[in-house]
Amino acid sequence: MTAHPAPTIPAPASGSPAGAVYADRGASHYDILAVLMAVVVILSGIGASKGVLFGTVPGTGFEIITDGGFFLFPLAYILGDVITELYGPRAARRALVTAFCMNILAVLAYQIIIVLPGFSDDYGTAKQEALEVALGPVWIVVLAGLAGFAAGQSLNTIVMSRMKARSGERGLVGRLLTSSGLGELVDTIVFCSIAAAAIGITTFEQWVEYTVLGFLYKVLVQYAAIPVTSAVIRRLKRTDPSYRERLGAAPPAA
């Protein structure tokens, strides 16, 4: 009687923790998500160079201070959550590094645009001054964004991937809640501390108001988006062939 070899189970993706399943980065969704993250990070850097004041909370004296990128940046973390959950921590770091490189390239392009000789008429002079005021300090905001996003998104990725290594496919909402809160806290403190001067914040009270409001806003947006985020993640998991293949071959989580 001929002995048949036992079926082999595909090895987990390189860098994947035991018990966690991830799709291949080469699947059709990863490149789109990574590009979206890079675009959001670049636009956030431009918008965040403008300080925004919505007024004062009646009866408290608490100023509602934020920046022009406030409505964009939570999306970067949501995209980071999707990439981490679907493709793993290594793929998330790859997307993060790509976004950083594109942001640095954008800042270098802004500086070249500023130093290029412009027209000497009134319109050309006014435009040159506007570019210097608008794009000149962006590098400081980008530096703050890179430092904050690197610290916050790295923590976000570590927490989310380690929780998934323990629980497998279970507990997605818990992973999103925990990782988002910790990541945004670190990110906001680092970013606001570096970017405050470039935005126009000059007092400690303004910094506290800016930091507290920024953290609460980002976390609330991410928490409010969790039903949509989790639905998108589950949809991508169902439609990604490599994820379904590895999910079927993986041993149960411990």
C-alpha atoms as a PDB file:
ATOM      1  CA  MET A   1       0.000   0.000   0.000  1.00  0.00           C
ATOM      2  CA  THR A   2       1.454   3.340  -1.048  1.00  0.00           C
ATOM      3  CA  ALA A   3       1.786   5.904   1.721  1.00  0.00           C
ATOM      4  CA  HIS A   4       0.572   9.334   0.844  1.00  0.00           C
ATOM      5  CA  PRO A   5       2.382  12.330   2.307  1.00  0.00           C
ATOM      6  CA  ALA A   6       0.489  14.360   4.846  1.00  0.00           C
ATOM      7  CA  PRO A   7      -0.953  17.605   3.488  1.00  0.00           C
ATOM      8  CA  THR A   8       1.197  20.589   4.219  1.00  0.00           C
ATOM      9  CA  ILE A   9      -0.093  23.784   5.773  1.00  0.00           C
ATOM     10  CA  PRO A  10       1.225  26.951   4.149  1.00  0.00           C
ATOM     11  CA  ALA A  11       3.656  28.797   6.378  1.00  0.00           C
ATOM     12  CA  PRO A  12       2.406  32.081   7.797  1.00  0.00           C
ATOM     13  CA  ALA A  13       3.457  35.267   6.060  1.00  0.00           C
ATOM     14  CA  SER A  14       6.907  36.529   6.956  1.00  0.00           C
ATOM     15  CA  GLY A  15       6.741  38.626  10.088  1.00  0.00           C
ATOM     16  CA  SER A  16       3.251  37.401  11.060  1.00  0.00           C
ATOM     17  CA  PRO A  17       2.728  36.519  14.744  1.00  0.00           C
ATOM     18  CA  ALA A  18       1.605  32.988  15.553  1.00  0.00           C
ATOM     19  CA  GLY A  19      -2.164  32.620  15.505  1.00  0.00           C
ATOM     20  CA  ALA A  20      -2.707  35.697  13.320  1.00  0.00           C
ATOM     21  CA  VAL A  21      -3.717  35.491   9.665  1.00  0.00           C
ATOM     22  CA  TYR A  22      -2.861  38.163   7.111  1.00  0.00           C
ATOM     23  CA  ALA A  23      -3.333  38.565   3.365  1.00  0.00           C
ATOM     24  CA  ASP A  24      -0.549  39.077   0.850  1.00  0.00           C
ATOM     25  CA  ARG A  25       0.508  42.692   0.267  1.00  0.00           C
ATOM     26  CA  GLY A  26       0.359  41.943  -3.443  1.00  0.00           C
ATOM     27  CA  ALA A  27      -3.431  41.621  -3.258  1.00  0.00           C
ATOM     28  CA  SER A  28      -5.333  44.309  -5.110  1.00  0.00           C
ATOM     29  CA  HIS A  29      -6.438  46.312  -2.062  1.00  0.00           C
ATOM     30  CA  TYR A  30      -3.103  47.009  -0.364  1.00  0.00           C
ATOM     31  CA  ASP A  31      -1.694  49.413  -2.931  1.00  0.00           C
ATOM     32  CA  ILE A  32      -4.898  51.461  -2.924  1.00  0.00           C
ATOM     33  CA  LEU A  33      -4.954  51.712   0.876  1.00  0.00           C
ATOM     34  CA  ALA A  34      -1.251  52.634   1.044  1.00  0.00           C
ATOM     35  CA  VAL A  35      -1.649  55.362  -1.585  1.00  0.00           C
ATOM     36  CA  LEU A  36      -4.674  56.767   0.227  1.00  0.00           C
ATOM     37  CA  MET A  37      -2.684  56.913   3.465  1.00  0.00           C
ATOM     38  CA  ALA A  38       0.167  58.782   1.752  1.00  0.00           C
ATOM     39  CA  VAL A  39      -2.214  61.311   0.193  1.00  0.00           C
ATOM     40  CA  VAL A  40      -4.030  61.901   3.484  1.00  0.00           C
ATOM     41  CA  VAL A  41      -0.734  62.425   5.343  1.00  0.00           C
ATOM     42  CA  ILE A  42       0.509  64.939   2.735  1.00  0.00           C
ATOM     43  CA  LEU A  43      -2.747  66.907   2.723  1.00  0.00           C
ATOM     44  CA  SER A  44      -2.849  66.866   6.525  1.00  0.00           C
ATOM     45  CA  GLY A  45       0.610  68.414   6.622  1.00  0.00           C
ATOM     46  CA  ILE A  46      -0.513  71.285   4.419  1.00  0.00           C
ATOM     47  CA  GLY A  47      -3.766  71.849   6.274  1.00  0.00           C
ATOM     48  CA  ALA A  48      -2.208  71.620   9.731  1.00  0.00           C
ATOM     49  CA  SER A  49       0.016  74.630   9.022  1.00  0.00           C
ATOM     50  CA  LYS A  50      -3.079  76.823   9.491  1.00  0.00           C
ATOM     51  CA  GLY A  51      -4.352  77.448  13.000  1.00  0.00           C
ATOM     52  CA  VAL A  52      -8.142  77.356  13.310  1.00  0.00           C
ATOM     53  CA  LEU A  53     -10.141  79.043  16.070  1.00  0.00           C
ATOM     54  CA  PHE A  54     -13.855  78.184  16.292  1.00  0.00           C
ATOM     55  CA  GLY A  55     -14.465  80.474  19.251  1.00  0.00           C
ATOM     56  CA  THR A  56     -14.869  79.944  22.993  1.00  0.00           C
ATOM     57  CA  VAL A  57     -17.095  77.482  24.832  1.00  0.00           C
ATOM     58  CA  PRO A  58     -19.751  79.663  26.536  1.00  0.00           C
ATOM     59  CA  GLY A  59     -19.182  80.139  30.245  1.00  0.00           C
ATOM     60  CA  THR A  60     -15.845  78.298  30.334  1.00  0.00           C
ATOM     61  CA  GLY A  61     -13.285  80.476  28.588  1.00  0.00           C
ATOM     62  CA  PHE A  62     -12.073  77.290  26.835  1.00  0.00           C
ATOM     63  CA  GLU A  63     -11.012  78.183  23.293  1.00  0.00           C
ATOM     64  CA  ILE A  64     -11.806  75.710  20.545  1.00  0.00           C
ATOM     65  CA  ILE A  65      -8.386  75.638  18.868  1.00  0.00           C
ATOM     66  CA  THR A  66      -7.417  73.208  16.141  1.00  0.00           C
ATOM     67  CA  ASP A  67      -5.692  73.246  12.758  1.00  0.00           C
ATOM     68  CA  GLY A  68      -6.748  73.043   9.132  1.00  0.00           C
ATOM     69  CA  GLY A  69      -5.963  69.347   8.878  1.00  0.00           C
ATOM     70  CA  PHE A  70      -8.220  68.253  11.735  1.00  0.00           C
ATOM     71  CA  PHE A  71     -10.829  66.675   9.469  1.00  0.00           C
ATOM     72  CA  LEU A  72      -8.267  64.630   7.529  1.00  0.00           C
ATOM     73  CA  PHE A  73      -5.848  63.130  10.018  1.00  0.00           C
ATOM     74  CA  PRO A  74      -8.180  60.610  11.728  1.00  0.00           C
ATOM     75  CA  LEU A  75      -8.591  59.017   8.313  1.00  0.00           C
ATOM     76  CA  ALA A  76      -4.862  58.203   8.279  1.00  0.00           C
ATOM     77  CA  TYR A  77      -5.290  56.170  11.484  1.00  0.00           C
ATOM     78  CA  ILE A  78      -8.399  54.456  10.165  1.00  0.00           C
ATOM     79  CA  LEU A  79      -6.465  53.418   7.049  1.00  0.00           C
ATOM     80  CA  GLY A  80      -3.611  52.269   9.285  1.00  0.00           C
ATOM     81  CA  ASP A  81      -6.037  50.109  11.276  1.00  0.00           C
ATOM     82  CA  VAL A  82      -7.397  48.525   8.104  1.00  0.00           C
ATOM     83  CA  ILE A  83      -3.921  47.794   6.740  1.00  0.00           C
ATOM     84  CA  THR A  84      -2.674  46.373  10.062  1.00  0.00           C
ATOM     85  CA  GLU A  85      -5.693  44.127  10.547  1.00  0.00           C
ATOM     86  CA  LEU A  86      -5.742  42.846   6.972  1.00  0.00           C
ATOM     87  CA  TYR A  87      -2.077  42.715   5.960  1.00  0.00           C
ATOM     88  CA  GLY A  88      -0.124  42.689   9.218  1.00  0.00           C
ATOM     89  CA  PRO A  89       2.366  44.895  11.084  1.00  0.00           C
ATOM     90  CA  ARG A  90       5.137  44.607   8.481  1.00  0.00           C
ATOM     91  CA  ALA A  91       2.841  45.797   5.697  1.00  0.00           C
ATOM     92  CA  ALA A  92       1.579  48.617   7.942  1.00  0.00           C
ATOM     93  CA  ARG A  93       5.150  49.773   8.562  1.00  0.00           C
ATOM     94  CA  ARG A  94       5.807  49.672   4.826  1.00  0.00           C
ATOM     95  CA  ALA A  95       2.790  51.902   4.178  1.00  0.00           C
ATOM     96  CA  LEU A  96       3.874  54.227   6.991  1.00  0.00           C
ATOM     97  CA  VAL A  97       7.414  54.595   5.617  1.00  0.00           C
ATOM     98  CA  THR A  98       6.028  55.202   2.124  1.00  0.00           C
ATOM     99  CA  ALA A  99       3.748  57.959   3.431  1.00  0.00           C
ATOM    100  CA  PHE A 100       6.675  59.543   5.277  1.00  0.00           C
ATOM    101  CA  CYS A 101       8.897  59.508   2.192  1.00  0.00           C
ATOM    102  CA  MET A 102       6.175  61.060   0.045  1.00  0.00           C
ATOM    103  CA  ASN A 103       5.573  63.730   2.677  1.00  0.00           C
ATOM    104  CA  ILE A 104       9.270  64.607   2.803  1.00  0.00           C
ATOM    105  CA  LEU A 105       9.334  64.763  -0.993  1.00  0.00           C
ATOM    106  CA  ALA A 106       6.367  67.148  -0.895  1.00  0.00           C
ATOM    107  CA  VAL A 107       8.144  69.420   1.607  1.00  0.00           C
ATOM    108  CA  LEU A 108      11.273  69.514  -0.573  1.00  0.00           C
ATOM    109  CA  ALA A 109       9.095  70.391  -3.557  1.00  0.00           C
ATOM    110  CA  TYR A 110       7.482  73.257  -1.607  1.00  0.00           C
ATOM    111  CA  GLN A 111      10.898  74.716  -0.763  1.00  0.00           C
ATOM    112  CA  ILE A 112      12.068  74.486  -4.379  1.00  0.00           C
ATOM    113  CA  ILE A 113       8.866  76.191  -5.537  1.00  0.00           C
ATOM    114  CA  ILE A 114       9.469  79.006  -3.037  1.00  0.00           C
ATOM    115  CA  VAL A 115      13.089  79.686  -4.068  1.00  0.00           C
ATOM    116  CA  LEU A 116      12.437  79.580  -7.805  1.00  0.00           C
ATOM    117  CA  PRO A 117      12.503  83.136  -9.255  1.00  0.00           C
ATOM    118  CA  GLY A 118       9.001  84.447  -9.874  1.00  0.00           C
ATOM    119  CA  PHE A 119       7.501  87.288 -11.903  1.00  0.00           C
ATOM    120  CA  SER A 120       8.371  90.741 -10.647  1.00  0.00           C
ATOM    121  CA  ASP A 121       4.997  92.390 -11.233  1.00  0.00           C
ATOM    122  CA  ASP A 122       2.582  93.096  -8.396  1.00  0.00           C
ATOM    123  CA  TYR A 123       0.653  89.861  -8.893  1.00  0.00           C
ATOM    124  CA  GLY A 124       3.821  87.767  -9.036  1.00  0.00           C
ATOM    125  CA  THR A 125       5.236  89.431  -5.915  1.00  0.00           C
ATOM    126  CA  ALA A 126       1.973  88.936  -4.007  1.00  0.00           C
ATOM    127  CA  LYS A 127       1.849  85.277  -5.011  1.00  0.00           C
ATOM    128  CA  GLN A 128       5.468  84.769  -3.925  1.00  0.00           C
ATOM    129  CA  GLU A 129       4.752  86.266  -0.521  1.00  0.00           C
ATOM    130  CA  ALA A 130       1.634  84.134  -0.173  1.00  0.00           C
ATOM    131  CA  LEU A 131       3.573  80.969  -1.009  1.00  0.00           C
ATOM    132  CA  GLU A 132       6.266  81.817   1.522  1.00  0.00           C
ATOM    133  CA  VAL A 133       3.702  82.411   4.256  1.00  0.00           C
ATOM    134  CA  ALA A 134       1.533  79.396   3.372  1.00  0.00           C
ATOM    135  CA  LEU A 135       4.121  76.755   2.465  1.00  0.00           C
ATOM    136  CA  GLY A 136       7.210  78.083   4.242  1.00  0.00           C
ATOM    137  CA  PRO A 137       6.364  76.721   7.727  1.00  0.00           C
ATOM    138  CA  VAL A 138       4.894  73.461   6.419  1.00  0.00           C
ATOM    139  CA  TRP A 139       8.199  71.645   7.003  1.00  0.00           C
ATOM    140  CA  ILE A 140       7.856  72.251  10.750  1.00  0.00           C
ATOM    141  CA  VAL A 141       4.335  70.849  10.731  1.00  0.00           C
ATOM    142  CA  VAL A 142       5.482  67.914   8.610  1.00  0.00           C
ATOM    143  CA  LEU A 143       8.331  67.254  11.046  1.00  0.00           C
ATOM    144  CA  ALA A 144       5.819  67.305  13.895  1.00  0.00           C
ATOM    145  CA  GLY A 145       3.490  65.069  11.923  1.00  0.00           C
ATOM    146  CA  LEU A 146       6.249  62.593  11.107  1.00  0.00           C
ATOM    147  CA  ALA A 147       7.362  62.390  14.734  1.00  0.00           C
ATOM    148  CA  GLY A 148       3.831  62.131  16.098  1.00  0.00           C
ATOM    149  CA  PHE A 149       2.528  59.737  13.463  1.00  0.00           C
ATOM    150  CA  ALA A 150       5.627  57.527  13.722  1.00  0.00           C
ATOM    151  CA  ALA A 151       5.228  57.206  17.496  1.00  0.00           C
ATOM    152  CA  GLY A 152       1.429  56.951  17.523  1.00  0.00           C
ATOM    153  CA  GLN A 153       0.941  54.724  14.491  1.00  0.00           C
ATOM    154  CA  SER A 154       3.785  52.424  15.559  1.00  0.00           C
ATOM    155  CA  LEU A 155       2.144  51.971  18.969  1.00  0.00           C
ATOM    156  CA  ASN A 156      -1.227  51.539  17.252  1.00  0.00           C
ATOM    157  CA  THR A 157       0.197  48.809  15.005  1.00  0.00           C
ATOM    158  CA  ILE A 158       2.007  46.997  17.835  1.00  0.00           C
ATOM    159  CA  VAL A 159      -1.061  46.933  20.088  1.00  0.00           C
ATOM    160  CA  MET A 160      -3.403  45.860  17.312  1.00  0.00           C
ATOM    161  CA  SER A 161      -1.149  43.107  15.934  1.00  0.00           C
ATOM    162  CA  ARG A 162      -0.335  41.675  19.386  1.00  0.00           C
ATOM    163  CA  MET A 163      -3.993  41.619  20.360  1.00  0.00           C
ATOM    164  CA  LYS A 164      -4.774  39.823  17.107  1.00  0.00           C
ATOM    165  CA  ALA A 165      -1.975  37.314  17.744  1.00  0.00           C
ATOM    166  CA  ARG A 166      -3.748  36.367  20.985  1.00  0.00           C
ATOM    167  CA  SER A 167      -7.359  36.422  19.826  1.00  0.00           C
ATOM    168  CA  GLY A 168      -7.170  35.615  16.107  1.00  0.00           C
ATOM    169  CA  GLU A 169     -10.258  36.755  14.234  1.00  0.00           C
ATOM    170  CA  ARG A 170     -12.184  37.488  17.418  1.00  0.00           C
ATOM    171  CA  GLY A 171     -12.245  40.858  19.162  1.00  0.00           C
ATOM    172  CA  LEU A 172     -11.856  43.188  16.165  1.00  0.00           C
ATOM    173  CA  VAL A 173     -13.816  46.037  17.780  1.00  0.00           C
ATOM    174  CA  GLY A 174     -11.788  45.737  20.987  1.00  0.00           C
ATOM    175  CA  ARG A 175      -8.559  45.952  18.984  1.00  0.00           C
ATOM    176  CA  LEU A 176      -9.753  49.058  17.190  1.00  0.00           C
ATOM    177  CA  LEU A 177     -10.848  50.763  20.418  1.00  0.00           C
ATOM    178  CA  THR A 178      -7.658  50.044  22.349  1.00  0.00           C
ATOM    179  CA  SER A 179      -5.087  50.696  19.639  1.00  0.00           C
ATOM    180  CA  SER A 180      -6.774  53.880  18.411  1.00  0.00           C
ATOM    181  CA  GLY A 181      -6.969  55.465  21.854  1.00  0.00           C
ATOM    182  CA  LEU A 182      -3.343  54.772  22.769  1.00  0.00           C
ATOM    183  CA  GLY A 183      -1.972  55.696  19.361  1.00  0.00           C
ATOM    184  CA  GLU A 184      -3.865  58.975  19.125  1.00  0.00           C
ATOM    185  CA  LEU A 185      -2.839  59.994  22.657  1.00  0.00           C
ATOM    186  CA  VAL A 186       0.880  59.648  21.935  1.00  0.00           C
ATOM    187  CA  ASP A 187       0.552  61.142  18.452  1.00  0.00           C
ATOM    188  CA  THR A 188      -1.356  64.211  19.623  1.00  0.00           C
ATOM    189  CA  ILE A 189       1.038  65.053  22.456  1.00  0.00           C
ATOM    190  CA  VAL A 190       4.122  64.750  20.234  1.00  0.00           C
ATOM    191  CA  PHE A 191       2.584  66.599  17.285  1.00  0.00           C
ATOM    192  CA  CYS A 192       1.128  69.478  19.272  1.00  0.00           C
ATOM    193  CA  SER A 193       4.364  70.001  21.198  1.00  0.00           C
ATOM    194  CA  ILE A 194       6.426  70.413  18.014  1.00  0.00           C
ATOM    195  CA  ALA A 195       3.892  72.131  15.731  1.00  0.00           C
ATOM    196  CA  ALA A 196       2.447  74.653  18.189  1.00  0.00           C
ATOM    197  CA  ALA A 197       4.865  77.474  17.320  1.00  0.00           C
ATOM    198  CA  ALA A 198       4.449  77.040  13.552  1.00  0.00           C
ATOM    199  CA  ILE A 199       0.668  77.132  13.876  1.00  0.00           C
ATOM    200  CA  GLY A 200       0.719  80.290  16.011  1.00  0.00           C
ATOM    201  CA  ILE A 201       0.137  78.890  19.514  1.00  0.00           C
ATOM    202  CA  THR A 202       2.154  80.955  21.987  1.00  0.00           C
ATOM    203  CA  THR A 203       0.905  80.133  25.504  1.00  0.00           C
ATOM    204  CA  PHE A 204       0.784  76.963  27.597  1.00  0.00           C
ATOM    205  CA  GLU A 205      -2.969  77.357  28.038  1.00  0.00           C
ATOM    206  CA  GLN A 206      -3.440  77.420  24.266  1.00  0.00           C
ATOM    207  CA  TRP A 207      -1.235  74.334  23.936  1.00  0.00           C
ATOM    208  CA  VAL A 208      -3.324  72.449  26.507  1.00  0.00           C
ATOM    209  CA  GLU A 209      -6.559  73.464  24.773  1.00  0.00           C
ATOM    210  CA  TYR A 210      -5.149  72.518  21.362  1.00  0.00           C
ATOM    211  CA  THR A 211      -3.840  69.161  22.597  1.00  0.00           C
ATOM    212  CA  VAL A 212      -6.915  68.143  24.598  1.00  0.00           C
ATOM    213  CA  LEU A 213      -9.330  69.124  21.854  1.00  0.00           C
ATOM    214  CA  GLY A 214      -7.189  67.437  19.197  1.00  0.00           C
ATOM    215  CA  PHE A 215      -7.031  64.171  21.113  1.00  0.00           C
ATOM    216  CA  LEU A 216     -10.729  64.086  21.963  1.00  0.00           C
ATOM    217  CA  TYR A 217     -11.742  64.950  18.435  1.00  0.00           C
ATOM    218  CA  LYS A 218      -9.497  62.337  16.787  1.00  0.00           C
ATOM    219  CA  VAL A 219     -10.515  59.573  19.172  1.00  0.00           C
ATOM    220  CA  LEU A 220     -14.222  60.367  18.921  1.00  0.00           C
ATOM    221  CA  VAL A 221     -14.044  60.380  15.121  1.00  0.00           C
ATOM    222  CA  GLN A 222     -12.228  57.056  15.073  1.00  0.00           C
ATOM    223  CA  TYR A 223     -14.604  55.508  17.608  1.00  0.00           C
ATOM    224  CA  ALA A 224     -17.626  56.787  15.687  1.00  0.00           C
ATOM    225  CA  ALA A 225     -16.167  55.283  12.513  1.00  0.00           C
ATOM    226  CA  ILE A 226     -15.527  51.847  14.054  1.00  0.00           C
ATOM    227  CA  PRO A 227     -18.773  50.309  12.711  1.00  0.00           C
ATOM    228  CA  VAL A 228     -17.775  51.403   9.196  1.00  0.00           C
ATOM    229  CA  THR A 229     -14.118  50.485   9.703  1.00  0.00           C
ATOM    230  CA  SER A 230     -14.940  47.002  10.958  1.00  0.00           C
ATOM    231  CA  ALA A 231     -17.450  46.482   8.137  1.00  0.00           C
ATOM    232  CA  VAL A 232     -14.829  47.471   5.554  1.00  0.00           C
ATOM    233  CA  ILE A 233     -12.265  45.154   7.154  1.00  0.00           C
ATOM    234  CA  ARG A 234     -14.675  42.211   7.160  1.00  0.00           C
ATOM    235  CA  ARG A 235     -15.626  42.933   3.561  1.00  0.00           C
ATOM    236  CA  LEU A 236     -11.987  43.014   2.442  1.00  0.00           C
ATOM    237  CA  LYS A 237     -11.277  39.803   4.350  1.00  0.00           C
ATOM    238  CA  ARG A 238     -14.122  38.048   2.539  1.00  0.00           C
ATOM    239  CA  THR A 239     -13.019  39.248  -0.883  1.00  0.00           C
ATOM    240  CA  ASP A 240      -9.249  38.802  -0.572  1.00  0.00           C
ATOM    241  CA  PRO A 241      -8.307  35.335  -1.900  1.00  0.00           C
ATOM    242  CA  SER A 242      -4.990  35.097  -0.054  1.00  0.00           C
ATOM    243  CA  TYR A 243      -6.643  35.996   3.261  1.00  0.00           C
ATOM    244  CA  ARG A 244      -9.340  33.378   2.805  1.00  0.00           C
ATOM    245  CA  GLU A 245      -6.745  30.772   1.859  1.00  0.00           C
ATOM    246  CA  ARG A 246      -4.563  31.436   4.891  1.00  0.00           C
ATOM    247  CA  LEU A 247      -7.539  31.706   7.208  1.00  0.00           C
ATOM    248  CA  GLY A 248      -8.635  28.225   6.165  1.00  0.00           C
ATOM    249  CA  ALA A 249      -5.143  26.784   6.670  1.00  0.00           C
ATOM    250  CA  ALA A 250      -4.232  28.506   9.935  1.00  0.00           C
ATOM    251  CA  PRO A 251      -4.486  26.695  13.296  1.00  0.00           C
ATOM    252  CA  PRO A 252      -6.929  28.098  15.853  1.00  0.00           C
ATOM    253  CA  ALA A 253      -5.670  30.945  17.998  1.00  0.00           C
ATOM    254  CA  ALA A 254      -4.447  29.950  21.443  1.00  0.00           C
END
